[in-house]
Amino acid sequence: MDPVLGGGLLMLCGWLCRLLHIWVASRTELRRTEMQQQGLSERVRHLPPGSRLLERPGSVEVVTGAQPAELRRG
């Protein structure tokens, strides 16, 4: 095989592997985000009205149902 052709094919294979890696990593991140949202939805669904849920890592604050009096004044 011609060295130039072999080098070109090797570069193409490297580029395709990198592209595949980026695609798999982005799909994994998307799936992780979906799972986190699903978990948050499940936790909120089981809370009584007026409850407050704080999550530090995602900086999420959820208040369910009717708001307590101290939240309405603020």
C-alpha atoms as a PDB file:
ATOM      1  CA  MET A   1       0.000   0.000   0.000  1.00  0.00           C
ATOM      2  CA  ASP A   2       1.228   3.482  -0.790  1.00  0.00           C
ATOM      3  CA  PRO A   3       2.466   5.276   2.386  1.00  0.00           C
ATOM      4  CA  VAL A   4       0.469   8.411   1.531  1.00  0.00           C
ATOM      5  CA  LEU A   5      -2.734   6.394   1.112  1.00  0.00           C
ATOM      6  CA  GLY A   6      -2.026   4.472   4.327  1.00  0.00           C
ATOM      7  CA  GLY A   7      -1.436   7.707   6.227  1.00  0.00           C
ATOM      8  CA  GLY A   8      -4.629   9.191   4.840  1.00  0.00           C
ATOM      9  CA  LEU A   9      -6.644   6.154   5.848  1.00  0.00           C
ATOM     10  CA  LEU A  10      -5.090   6.226   9.315  1.00  0.00           C
ATOM     11  CA  MET A  11      -6.027   9.906   9.687  1.00  0.00           C
ATOM     12  CA  LEU A  12      -9.559   9.174   8.512  1.00  0.00           C
ATOM     13  CA  CYS A  13      -9.901   6.328  11.016  1.00  0.00           C
ATOM     14  CA  GLY A  14      -8.653   8.592  13.812  1.00  0.00           C
ATOM     15  CA  TRP A  15     -11.087  11.323  12.822  1.00  0.00           C
ATOM     16  CA  LEU A  16     -14.010   8.859  12.714  1.00  0.00           C
ATOM     17  CA  CYS A  17     -13.070   7.457  16.134  1.00  0.00           C
ATOM     18  CA  ARG A  18     -12.981  10.976  17.581  1.00  0.00           C
ATOM     19  CA  LEU A  19     -16.359  11.773  16.036  1.00  0.00           C
ATOM     20  CA  LEU A  20     -17.823   8.572  17.473  1.00  0.00           C
ATOM     21  CA  HIS A  21     -16.409   9.428  20.901  1.00  0.00           C
ATOM     22  CA  ILE A  22     -17.998  12.895  20.840  1.00  0.00           C
ATOM     23  CA  TRP A  23     -21.348  11.432  19.777  1.00  0.00           C
ATOM     24  CA  VAL A  24     -21.332   8.744  22.502  1.00  0.00           C
ATOM     25  CA  ALA A  25     -20.281  11.245  25.178  1.00  0.00           C
ATOM     26  CA  SER A  26     -23.052  13.676  24.229  1.00  0.00           C
ATOM     27  CA  ARG A  27     -25.672  10.899  24.221  1.00  0.00           C
ATOM     28  CA  THR A  28     -24.465   9.767  27.651  1.00  0.00           C
ATOM     29  CA  GLU A  29     -24.717  13.310  29.036  1.00  0.00           C
ATOM     30  CA  LEU A  30     -28.210  13.673  27.587  1.00  0.00           C
ATOM     31  CA  ARG A  31     -29.324  10.391  29.143  1.00  0.00           C
ATOM     32  CA  ARG A  32     -27.820  11.372  32.510  1.00  0.00           C
ATOM     33  CA  THR A  33     -29.737  14.661  32.441  1.00  0.00           C
ATOM     34  CA  GLU A  34     -32.977  12.855  31.558  1.00  0.00           C
ATOM     35  CA  MET A  35     -32.489  10.449  34.464  1.00  0.00           C
ATOM     36  CA  GLN A  36     -31.857  13.333  36.887  1.00  0.00           C
ATOM     37  CA  GLN A  37     -35.017  15.103  35.710  1.00  0.00           C
ATOM     38  CA  GLN A  38     -37.023  11.902  36.045  1.00  0.00           C
ATOM     39  CA  GLY A  39     -35.704  11.384  39.583  1.00  0.00           C
ATOM     40  CA  LEU A  40     -36.579  14.953  40.541  1.00  0.00           C
ATOM     41  CA  SER A  41     -40.081  14.541  39.116  1.00  0.00           C
ATOM     42  CA  GLU A  42     -40.581  11.337  41.101  1.00  0.00           C
ATOM     43  CA  ARG A  43     -39.446  12.975  44.347  1.00  0.00           C
ATOM     44  CA  VAL A  44     -41.653  16.039  43.804  1.00  0.00           C
ATOM     45  CA  ARG A  45     -44.673  13.878  42.946  1.00  0.00           C
ATOM     46  CA  HIS A  46     -44.592  12.301  46.423  1.00  0.00           C
ATOM     47  CA  LEU A  47     -44.358  15.584  48.352  1.00  0.00           C
ATOM     48  CA  PRO A  48     -47.430  17.068  50.055  1.00  0.00           C
ATOM     49  CA  PRO A  49     -48.692  20.486  48.845  1.00  0.00           C
ATOM     50  CA  GLY A  50     -46.694  23.421  50.145  1.00  0.00           C
ATOM     51  CA  SER A  51     -43.491  21.413  50.499  1.00  0.00           C
ATOM     52  CA  ARG A  52     -40.124  22.810  49.530  1.00  0.00           C
ATOM     53  CA  LEU A  53     -37.392  20.709  47.948  1.00  0.00           C
ATOM     54  CA  LEU A  54     -33.845  22.094  47.731  1.00  0.00           C
ATOM     55  CA  GLU A  55     -31.089  20.342  45.799  1.00  0.00           C
ATOM     56  CA  ARG A  56     -27.629  21.811  46.225  1.00  0.00           C
ATOM     57  CA  PRO A  57     -25.596  20.267  43.369  1.00  0.00           C
ATOM     58  CA  GLY A  58     -28.122  21.265  40.696  1.00  0.00           C
ATOM     59  CA  SER A  59     -29.218  24.442  42.498  1.00  0.00           C
ATOM     60  CA  VAL A  60     -32.847  23.425  42.154  1.00  0.00           C
ATOM     61  CA  GLU A  61     -35.600  24.754  44.397  1.00  0.00           C
ATOM     62  CA  VAL A  62     -39.115  23.396  43.979  1.00  0.00           C
ATOM     63  CA  VAL A  63     -42.209  24.509  45.895  1.00  0.00           C
ATOM     64  CA  THR A  64     -45.257  22.300  45.401  1.00  0.00           C
ATOM     65  CA  GLY A  65     -48.949  23.178  45.516  1.00  0.00           C
ATOM     66  CA  ALA A  66     -50.158  26.170  47.514  1.00  0.00           C
ATOM     67  CA  GLN A  67     -47.322  28.271  48.883  1.00  0.00           C
ATOM     68  CA  PRO A  68     -46.967  28.701  52.652  1.00  0.00           C
ATOM     69  CA  ALA A  69     -47.745  32.147  54.111  1.00  0.00           C
ATOM     70  CA  GLU A  70     -44.079  33.190  54.530  1.00  0.00           C
ATOM     71  CA  LEU A  71     -43.390  32.598  50.815  1.00  0.00           C
ATOM     72  CA  ARG A  72     -46.412  34.628  49.687  1.00  0.00           C
ATOM     73  CA  ARG A  73     -45.372  37.679  51.712  1.00  0.00           C
ATOM     74  CA  GLY A  74     -41.829  37.769  50.258  1.00  0.00           C
END
